[in-house]
Protein backbone atom coordinates (compact mmCIF):
# COMPACT_ATOMS: atom_id res chain seq x y z
CA MET A 1 -201.19 46.31 120.62
CA LYS A 2 -200.87 49.15 118.25
CA ASN A 3 -200.25 51.60 121.12
CA ARG A 4 -197.65 49.29 122.64
CA CYS A 5 -195.85 49.05 119.41
CA THR A 6 -196.03 52.62 118.74
CA ILE A 7 -194.48 53.27 122.41
CA THR A 8 -191.78 50.73 121.58
CA ARG A 9 -190.94 52.31 118.53
CA ILE A 10 -190.54 55.73 120.57
CA VAL A 11 -189.10 54.65 123.69
CA LEU A 12 -186.56 52.17 122.79
CA PRO A 13 -184.21 54.48 120.51
CA LEU A 14 -184.89 57.09 123.40
CA LEU A 15 -183.35 54.58 125.85
CA LEU A 16 -180.39 53.53 123.52
CA CYS A 17 -179.67 57.20 122.67
CA THR A 18 -179.55 57.81 126.41
CA ALA A 19 -177.38 54.78 127.12
CA ALA A 20 -175.16 55.68 124.31
CA TRP A 21 -174.69 59.49 125.82
CA LEU A 22 -174.22 58.11 129.28
CA THR A 23 -171.59 56.04 127.79
CA ASN A 24 -169.79 58.49 125.82
CA THR A 25 -170.24 60.90 128.66
CA TRP A 26 -168.31 58.46 131.20
CA ALA A 27 -165.82 57.68 128.46
CA GLY A 28 -165.21 61.40 127.87
CA GLY A 29 -165.03 62.18 131.54
CA LYS A 30 -162.56 59.28 131.97
CA ILE A 31 -160.31 60.51 129.01
CA MET A 32 -160.39 64.05 130.80
CA GLN A 33 -159.55 62.65 134.08
CA ASP A 34 -156.77 60.50 132.65
CA ALA A 35 -155.53 63.75 131.03
CA ALA A 36 -155.46 65.44 134.32
CA VAL A 37 -153.55 62.85 136.18
CA SER A 38 -150.98 62.56 133.31
CA GLU A 39 -150.37 66.36 133.50
CA VAL A 40 -150.07 66.23 137.27
CA ALA A 41 -147.67 63.12 136.97
CA GLN A 42 -145.48 64.83 134.59
CA ARG A 43 -145.50 68.30 136.65
CA LEU A 44 -144.56 65.70 139.43
CA ALA A 45 -141.57 64.24 137.49
CA THR A 46 -140.36 67.89 136.51
CA LEU A 47 -140.59 69.14 140.09
CA GLN A 48 -138.97 66.11 141.57
CA ASN A 49 -136.05 66.93 139.17
CA ARG A 50 -135.77 70.53 140.27
CA TYR A 51 -135.79 69.24 143.79
CA ASP A 52 -132.84 67.18 142.91
CA VAL A 53 -131.15 70.09 141.22
CA VAL A 54 -131.59 72.09 144.46
CA LYS A 55 -130.73 69.17 146.80
CA TYR A 56 -127.21 68.48 144.96
CA GLN A 57 -126.76 72.07 143.97
CA TRP A 58 -126.67 71.09 140.76
CA TYR A 59 -126.18 74.72 139.47
CA ASP A 60 -123.87 77.71 139.99
CA ILE A 61 -125.29 78.89 143.39
CA TYR A 62 -123.03 81.94 143.45
CA ALA A 63 -124.90 83.24 140.32
CA ASP A 64 -128.62 82.23 141.26
CA GLY A 65 -128.39 81.73 145.26
CA LEU A 66 -129.60 79.10 147.67
CA VAL A 67 -133.35 77.85 148.37
CA PRO A 68 -134.20 78.17 151.84
CA GLY A 69 -137.48 76.48 151.31
CA ALA A 70 -135.99 73.24 149.54
CA ASP A 71 -136.86 70.81 152.39
CA GLU A 72 -140.42 71.95 152.77
CA GLY A 73 -140.65 71.55 149.06
CA GLY A 74 -139.36 68.12 149.01
CA LYS A 75 -142.13 67.20 151.64
CA LEU A 76 -144.79 68.65 149.67
CA ILE A 77 -143.63 66.69 146.73
CA ILE A 78 -143.81 63.65 148.67
CA ASP A 79 -147.34 64.43 149.83
CA ALA A 80 -148.37 65.27 146.37
CA LYS A 81 -147.23 61.77 145.25
CA ALA A 82 -149.20 60.08 147.82
CA ALA A 83 -152.29 62.32 146.86
CA LEU A 84 -151.94 61.15 143.23
CA SER A 85 -151.50 57.57 144.31
CA GLY A 86 -154.89 58.01 146.14
CA GLY A 87 -156.67 59.17 143.10
CA ASN A 88 -156.97 62.84 144.26
CA ALA A 89 -155.00 64.52 141.30
CA PRO A 90 -156.45 68.20 142.28
CA GLN A 91 -155.17 67.96 145.69
CA ALA A 92 -151.56 66.84 144.22
CA ALA A 93 -151.88 69.65 141.75
CA LYS A 94 -152.27 72.26 144.76
CA LEU A 95 -149.29 70.61 146.64
CA LEU A 96 -147.36 70.86 143.54
CA ASP A 97 -148.32 74.47 143.17
CA SER A 98 -146.85 75.12 146.68
CA ALA A 99 -143.87 72.91 146.01
CA GLU A 100 -142.82 74.87 142.91
CA LYS A 101 -143.03 78.12 144.55
CA LEU A 102 -140.80 77.07 147.30
CA LEU A 103 -138.32 75.60 144.89
CA SER A 104 -138.23 78.63 142.51
CA THR A 105 -137.29 81.05 145.52
CA TYR A 106 -133.54 81.83 145.66
CA GLU A 107 -131.63 83.97 148.04
CA LYS A 108 -127.88 85.07 148.13
CA GLY A 109 -127.88 86.29 151.78
CA ALA A 110 -125.77 83.18 153.19
CA LEU A 111 -123.16 83.40 150.43
CA PRO A 112 -119.84 85.05 151.50
CA VAL A 113 -118.63 88.05 149.59
CA TYR A 114 -115.02 88.03 148.78
CA THR A 115 -112.80 88.96 145.74
CA PRO A 116 -110.92 86.09 144.15
CA PRO A 117 -108.40 86.62 141.40
CA GLU A 118 -109.96 86.68 137.74
CA PRO A 119 -107.65 84.38 135.39
CA MET A 120 -110.36 84.59 132.79
CA LYS A 121 -110.29 88.21 132.60
CA ASN A 122 -107.30 88.76 130.08
CA GLN A 123 -107.31 85.82 127.51
CA GLY A 124 -104.63 87.27 125.41
CA ASP A 125 -102.35 86.79 128.92
CA PRO A 126 -101.06 83.23 129.23
CA GLY A 127 -99.45 84.06 132.51
CA LYS A 128 -96.81 80.93 133.36
CA ILE A 129 -98.97 78.23 131.75
CA HIS A 130 -96.72 75.47 130.57
CA LEU A 131 -96.69 71.83 130.07
CA GLY A 132 -95.86 70.57 133.57
CA THR A 133 -91.96 69.68 133.67
CA LEU A 134 -90.39 66.93 135.71
CA SER A 135 -89.29 69.60 138.28
CA ASP A 136 -93.09 70.65 138.53
CA LEU A 137 -94.23 67.13 139.00
CA LYS A 138 -91.43 66.54 141.89
CA MET A 139 -92.41 69.90 143.66
CA MET A 140 -93.62 69.40 147.34
CA GLU A 141 -94.43 73.15 147.72
CA PHE A 142 -95.68 75.81 145.04
CA ALA A 143 -95.69 79.36 145.92
CA GLY A 144 -95.28 78.66 149.46
CA ILE A 145 -98.18 76.13 149.43
CA PRO A 146 -97.94 72.49 150.28
CA ARG A 147 -98.85 69.81 148.04
CA TRP A 148 -102.19 68.26 148.59
CA ASN A 149 -101.80 65.07 146.21
CA TYR A 150 -101.00 63.18 143.02
CA TRP A 151 -104.32 61.94 141.58
CA TYR A 152 -105.05 60.08 138.33
CA ASN A 153 -108.35 59.29 136.99
CA PHE A 154 -109.59 57.54 133.84
CA VAL A 155 -112.88 56.72 132.06
CA GLY A 156 -113.19 54.77 128.67
CA LYS A 157 -115.07 52.28 126.56
CA GLY A 158 -113.77 48.76 126.45
CA ASP A 159 -113.87 46.43 123.58
CA ASP A 160 -116.63 44.44 125.24
CA GLY A 161 -119.02 47.28 124.96
CA GLU A 162 -118.76 48.47 128.62
CA GLN A 163 -117.23 51.53 130.09
CA TYR A 164 -114.46 51.50 132.76
CA MET A 165 -113.43 53.92 135.49
CA ILE A 166 -110.15 54.10 137.34
CA TYR A 167 -108.87 56.64 140.05
CA VAL A 168 -105.69 56.35 141.89
CA CYS A 169 -104.37 58.67 144.49
CA ILE A 170 -101.28 59.55 146.61
CA ASN A 171 -102.10 62.22 149.16
CA HIS A 172 -100.09 64.48 151.17
CA HIS A 173 -103.06 66.57 152.54
CA GLY A 174 -100.58 69.76 152.85
CA THR A 175 -98.57 67.86 155.72
CA GLY A 176 -95.37 67.39 153.87
CA LYS A 177 -95.55 63.72 154.01
CA ILE A 178 -97.66 60.74 152.38
CA VAL A 179 -101.04 60.24 154.15
CA LEU A 180 -102.39 56.69 154.03
CA PRO A 181 -104.19 54.87 152.57
CA VAL A 182 -103.08 54.98 148.81
CA LEU A 183 -106.06 54.95 146.89
CA PHE A 184 -106.99 52.55 144.02
CA ALA A 185 -110.59 52.11 142.60
CA ILE A 186 -112.20 50.60 139.49
CA SER A 187 -115.74 50.42 138.34
CA SER A 188 -117.71 49.83 135.19
CA THR A 189 -121.26 50.16 133.68
CA LYS A 190 -121.72 46.36 134.39
CA ASN A 191 -122.71 47.53 137.80
CA PRO A 192 -122.19 51.28 138.28
CA ALA A 193 -123.10 51.31 141.93
CA ALA A 194 -120.22 48.86 142.61
CA ILE A 195 -117.06 50.48 143.35
CA GLN A 196 -114.24 48.22 143.87
CA LYS A 197 -111.66 50.01 146.14
CA LEU A 198 -108.37 48.16 146.53
CA ASN A 199 -106.45 50.63 148.80
CA PHE A 200 -103.19 50.08 150.28
CA THR A 201 -102.18 50.95 153.93
CA THR A 202 -98.41 50.57 153.25
CA LEU A 203 -96.46 53.59 152.48
CA PRO A 204 -95.08 53.61 148.79
CA VAL A 205 -91.52 53.81 148.20
CA TYR A 206 -90.36 56.91 146.04
CA THR A 207 -87.67 56.40 143.26
CA GLU A 208 -86.39 59.06 140.91
CA GLY A 209 -85.33 58.15 137.45
CA LYS A 210 -83.55 60.48 134.84
CA GLU A 211 -86.83 61.67 133.27
CA SER A 212 -89.42 60.27 135.52
CA ILE A 213 -90.33 59.68 139.36
CA THR A 214 -92.11 56.28 140.67
CA TYR A 215 -94.24 55.59 143.51
CA SER A 216 -94.56 51.79 144.22
CA VAL A 217 -96.10 49.92 146.96
CA LYS A 218 -96.65 46.18 147.67
CA GLU A 219 -98.84 44.44 150.09
CA GLY A 220 -98.87 40.35 149.90
CA ASN A 221 -99.75 39.60 146.53
CA ARG A 222 -100.81 43.08 145.41
CA SER A 223 -98.64 45.84 143.98
CA LEU A 224 -99.15 49.34 142.51
CA THR A 225 -96.76 51.47 140.73
CA TYR A 226 -97.55 55.06 139.74
CA THR A 227 -94.90 56.47 137.28
CA LEU A 228 -95.12 60.30 136.37
CA ALA A 229 -92.96 62.06 133.48
CA GLN A 230 -93.36 65.15 131.33
CA GLY A 231 -96.56 64.94 129.64
CA LYS A 232 -97.12 61.09 130.57
CA VAL A 233 -98.29 58.83 133.27
CA LYS A 234 -98.42 55.07 133.54
CA ILE A 235 -99.87 52.99 136.48
CA SER A 236 -99.85 49.17 136.88
CA TYR A 237 -101.92 47.34 139.68
CA LYS A 238 -101.45 43.62 140.09
CA ASP A 239 -103.16 40.97 142.47
CA ALA A 240 -103.91 37.17 142.26
CA ASP A 241 -107.05 37.78 139.94
CA MET A 242 -106.51 40.90 138.08
CA THR A 243 -103.83 43.01 136.30
CA VAL A 244 -104.88 46.75 135.35
CA GLU A 245 -102.28 48.87 133.02
CA THR A 246 -103.10 52.16 132.15
CA SER A 247 -101.05 54.95 130.52
CA ALA A 248 -102.01 58.43 129.21
CA LYS A 249 -100.29 61.17 127.18
CA PHE A 250 -100.60 64.93 127.66
CA ASP A 251 -100.02 67.79 125.43
CA TYR A 252 -100.62 70.86 127.76
CA SER A 253 -101.12 71.59 131.31
CA PHE A 254 -103.87 73.76 132.82
CA TRP A 255 -102.62 75.78 135.58
CA TYR A 256 -104.90 77.41 138.37
CA ASN A 257 -104.48 81.41 137.98
CA LYS A 258 -102.51 80.79 135.22
CA GLY A 259 -99.69 79.64 137.39
CA LEU A 260 -99.05 83.20 138.58
CA GLY A 261 -99.05 81.78 142.46
CA GLY A 262 -101.78 80.96 144.86
CA ALA A 263 -105.32 82.04 144.52
CA GLU A 264 -107.75 82.50 147.38
CA MET A 265 -110.49 80.44 145.63
CA MET A 266 -112.42 80.51 148.84
CA PRO A 267 -112.35 82.72 151.83
CA ASN A 268 -109.07 81.55 153.76
CA ALA A 269 -108.48 78.75 151.14
CA VAL A 270 -105.68 79.41 149.10
CA MET A 271 -104.70 76.92 146.21
CA ALA A 272 -102.47 76.45 143.12
CA GLY A 273 -101.15 73.69 140.80
CA PHE A 274 -101.96 72.26 137.56
CA GLU A 275 -104.02 69.67 135.81
CA GLU A 276 -103.36 67.79 132.75
CA MET A 277 -105.94 66.12 130.46
CA GLY A 278 -105.29 63.88 127.48
CA ALA A 279 -105.85 60.61 125.44
CA ALA A 280 -105.48 57.53 127.45
CA THR A 281 -105.66 53.75 127.25
CA ALA A 282 -106.25 50.78 129.86
CA THR A 283 -106.16 46.91 129.67
CA PHE A 284 -108.03 44.85 132.39
CA THR A 285 -106.72 41.19 132.70
CA VAL A 286 -109.16 39.07 134.66
CA LYS A 287 -108.75 35.43 134.75
CA LYS A 288 -106.68 35.60 131.44
CA LYS A 289 -109.28 37.47 129.69
CA LYS A 290 -108.07 40.87 128.42
CA ILE A 291 -110.18 43.95 127.97
CA ALA A 292 -108.81 46.88 125.96
CA VAL A 293 -110.16 50.21 126.71
CA LYS A 294 -109.67 53.57 125.24
CA GLY A 295 -110.74 57.03 126.69
CA PHE A 296 -109.41 59.98 128.71
CA ALA A 297 -107.19 60.53 131.71
CA GLU A 298 -106.69 63.43 134.01
CA GLN A 299 -103.52 63.88 136.15
CA GLU A 300 -104.01 66.38 139.02
CA ASN A 301 -101.12 68.22 141.00
CA LEU A 302 -103.01 70.39 143.50
CA PHE A 303 -101.23 72.40 146.33
CA CYS A 304 -103.39 73.66 149.23
CA GLY A 305 -103.96 73.61 153.08
CA GLY A 306 -100.92 73.98 155.19
CA PRO A 307 -100.60 75.95 158.53
CA LYS A 308 -101.71 79.24 156.81
CA SER A 309 -105.00 78.33 154.63
CA ALA A 310 -107.88 75.69 155.15
CA ASP A 311 -107.75 72.74 153.08
CA TYR A 312 -109.98 72.67 150.20
CA ARG A 313 -112.46 69.90 151.23
CA THR A 314 -113.00 71.87 154.39
CA ALA A 315 -113.51 75.03 152.47
CA LEU A 316 -115.74 73.46 149.99
CA LEU A 317 -117.99 71.77 152.50
CA LYS A 318 -118.45 75.29 153.96
CA PHE A 319 -118.57 77.36 150.88
CA GLY A 320 -119.65 75.00 148.37
CA ASN A 321 -120.15 75.42 144.38
CA GLU A 322 -117.35 73.25 143.27
CA TRP A 323 -117.73 72.29 139.56
CA TRP A 324 -114.41 70.75 138.59
CA VAL A 325 -114.88 69.34 135.03
CA PRO A 326 -111.81 67.73 133.23
CA PHE A 327 -113.00 66.55 129.63
CA HIS A 328 -111.43 65.30 126.52
CA THR A 329 -112.77 64.48 122.93
CA ASP A 330 -111.28 64.26 119.55
CA GLN A 331 -111.67 67.64 118.73
CA VAL A 332 -111.19 69.79 122.16
CA SER A 333 -110.41 69.02 125.63
CA GLY A 334 -109.79 70.71 128.78
CA LEU A 335 -110.97 71.86 132.36
CA PHE A 336 -113.50 74.11 133.81
CA CYS A 337 -113.47 75.03 137.50
CA MET A 338 -115.53 77.05 139.82
CA THR A 339 -115.09 76.95 143.44
CA GLY A 340 -116.97 79.55 145.60
CA ARG A 341 -117.01 82.61 143.60
CA TYR A 342 -113.74 81.76 141.68
CA ARG A 343 -113.81 80.83 137.94
CA ASP A 344 -111.19 79.40 135.91
CA ALA A 345 -110.65 77.39 132.72
CA GLY A 346 -108.46 76.24 129.99
CA LEU A 347 -108.96 74.40 126.73
CA TYR A 348 -106.78 72.81 124.06
CA TYR A 349 -108.22 72.97 120.55
CA GLU A 350 -106.45 72.57 117.18
CA GLY A 351 -102.92 72.41 118.62
CA ASN A 352 -103.51 75.63 120.68
CA TYR A 353 -104.22 76.55 124.39
CA TYR A 354 -106.90 79.09 125.17
CA THR A 355 -108.24 80.60 128.16
CA PRO A 356 -112.30 80.97 127.89
CA SER A 357 -113.62 84.50 127.98
CA GLU A 358 -116.97 82.98 129.55
CA PHE A 359 -118.66 79.84 130.69
CA LYS A 360 -122.09 78.79 132.09
CA VAL A 361 -123.29 75.81 133.80
CA THR A 362 -126.99 74.76 133.02
CA PRO A 363 -128.37 71.59 135.04
CA LEU A 364 -130.23 68.91 133.07
CA LYS A 365 -130.79 65.90 135.38
CA GLY A 366 -129.96 66.51 138.98
CA ASN A 367 -126.68 64.73 140.03
CA THR A 368 -126.52 63.16 136.45
CA SER A 369 -126.05 65.56 133.69
CA PHE A 370 -125.60 69.25 132.71
CA ILE A 371 -124.52 71.51 129.91
CA ILE A 372 -121.50 73.85 129.78
CA ASP A 373 -121.35 76.60 126.93
CA ALA A 374 -118.05 78.55 126.80
CA LYS A 375 -116.50 80.83 124.29
CA PHE A 376 -112.86 80.89 123.79
CA GLY A 377 -110.59 82.57 120.81
CA GLY A 378 -113.64 83.31 118.74
CA ASN A 379 -115.01 79.63 119.14
CA ASP A 380 -118.08 78.33 120.89
CA LEU A 381 -118.25 75.04 122.65
CA HIS A 382 -121.26 73.38 123.71
CA LEU A 383 -120.32 70.44 126.14
CA ILE A 384 -123.03 67.84 127.30
CA VAL A 385 -121.78 65.98 130.17
CA ASP A 386 -123.67 62.59 131.11
CA LEU A 387 -122.32 60.76 134.24
CA TRP A 388 -123.13 57.10 134.71
CA GLY A 389 -120.80 56.67 137.89
CA TRP A 390 -120.69 58.21 141.31
CA ASP A 391 -118.53 57.87 144.59
CA PRO A 392 -120.62 59.76 147.01
CA LYS A 393 -118.04 59.85 149.76
CA LEU A 394 -115.40 61.52 147.54
CA TYR A 395 -118.04 63.59 145.60
CA GLU A 396 -116.35 62.16 142.31
CA HIS A 397 -118.46 61.38 139.11
CA TRP A 398 -117.49 60.18 135.71
CA GLY A 399 -118.98 59.50 132.32
CA ASN A 400 -119.41 60.75 128.78
CA ALA A 401 -119.12 64.01 126.97
CA ALA A 402 -120.87 65.12 123.63
CA GLY A 403 -121.99 68.25 122.26
CA THR A 404 -120.46 70.32 119.29
CA VAL A 405 -117.47 73.09 118.89
CA ASN A 406 -118.54 75.63 116.51
CA GLY A 407 -121.58 73.58 115.38
CA LYS A 408 -119.46 70.34 114.65
CA LYS A 409 -120.09 67.24 116.25
CA LEU A 410 -117.70 66.02 119.43
CA THR A 411 -116.76 62.51 119.09
CA ASN A 412 -115.25 60.04 121.59
CA GLY A 413 -115.97 62.34 124.50
CA PHE A 414 -115.44 61.29 128.29
CA SER A 415 -115.49 63.48 131.40
CA TRP A 416 -115.03 63.65 135.04
CA LEU A 417 -116.71 65.59 137.64
CA GLU A 418 -115.89 66.55 141.44
CA HIS A 419 -118.80 68.39 142.64
CA ILE A 420 -119.17 69.55 146.40
CA PRO A 421 -122.33 71.25 147.37
CA GLN A 422 -122.11 73.77 150.23
CA GLY A 423 -122.74 71.79 153.31
CA GLY A 424 -122.32 68.46 151.61
CA VAL A 425 -125.22 66.53 150.19
CA ASN A 426 -128.56 67.36 151.74
CA ASN A 427 -130.31 64.15 152.42
CA SER A 428 -133.55 65.51 153.05
CA PRO A 429 -136.85 64.05 151.04
CA PRO A 430 -137.79 63.12 148.55
CA GLN A 431 -135.51 60.09 148.08
């Protein structure tokens, strides 16, 4: 009995200690395993975004090059997701190592070498930059290049807390006549993926006033009027259920190549024209309920195409790298443009127009957000663009603008983006 008690006093604590050690070892191992899984999951998210940046060419491809192993890298990411879901974190990590290598390898061999104009080279030379006149708005040809379009886009915040988008377009497509349909579209943050396209297939009527020109079209109980004047645009849409009114005021115009004539922005693609950015308002009336919206608008007057030059869509799908970014804030507004190797920009700050000496695009989230850093007239702009809407067919995006100018916070910022990758959007995995 004494020996049994002695054994119990010795063995029982040993068993308890052993059990505790095994429990702690298992718990520690589980913690280590969870940490490893978490690390791989974070790498997976990071590389998924890197793939998205590559897929949408959400960067300056002429500065960095293309990624020939993008498709293979995307498939490896899919395999890594499957391995991680199956509990094999080490295998997932190895697959991600290979994917990362592929998605970090850039080549420039497929990018054409040509010499476009450099309008940002001499910031002190304004060229022929001026606020677009009524005569400029009437032009059907500029520097021997036919008109491509009249395009208006608006994005802003409503008094209901939602954000809203409108775009309107009368196309000529370099033909010397209107090409149908007349585009009219609206969208909101209530359902960003739903874009209501209310296009017209009837030719609009053109009229001239003393200080304006107007295009108007009517189909059944639907109507649209588009009025342009120097520094102003007003648009009205009506149907049985809804009325949309929007107007904008512009203090300046950005001219491609400083208005000095056509610029070969891409090989055999000469373009010209002017863009106007400014504060804008809109009112949506749906079933007698009014929503007042404040934001910004951009009015495009683009000239390209014709018998001697490729149109810009054909050229951009072939050569890529379009970053067309009009924006407006309370402090500064303007436009940044990259097409192929061409670089151009104009900013309006404290009542003065500037040509930046440089700017750089840095991707954040693929197909959603990015940063532009620019220097102009001794000033520094740090612009953060975050987009909530996208029309994939037209490659148009819209959203917000934030950041700083000379370290001071930008307020009430909105932005637009037209971005066309070389070859269009690559639909390879992972989705």
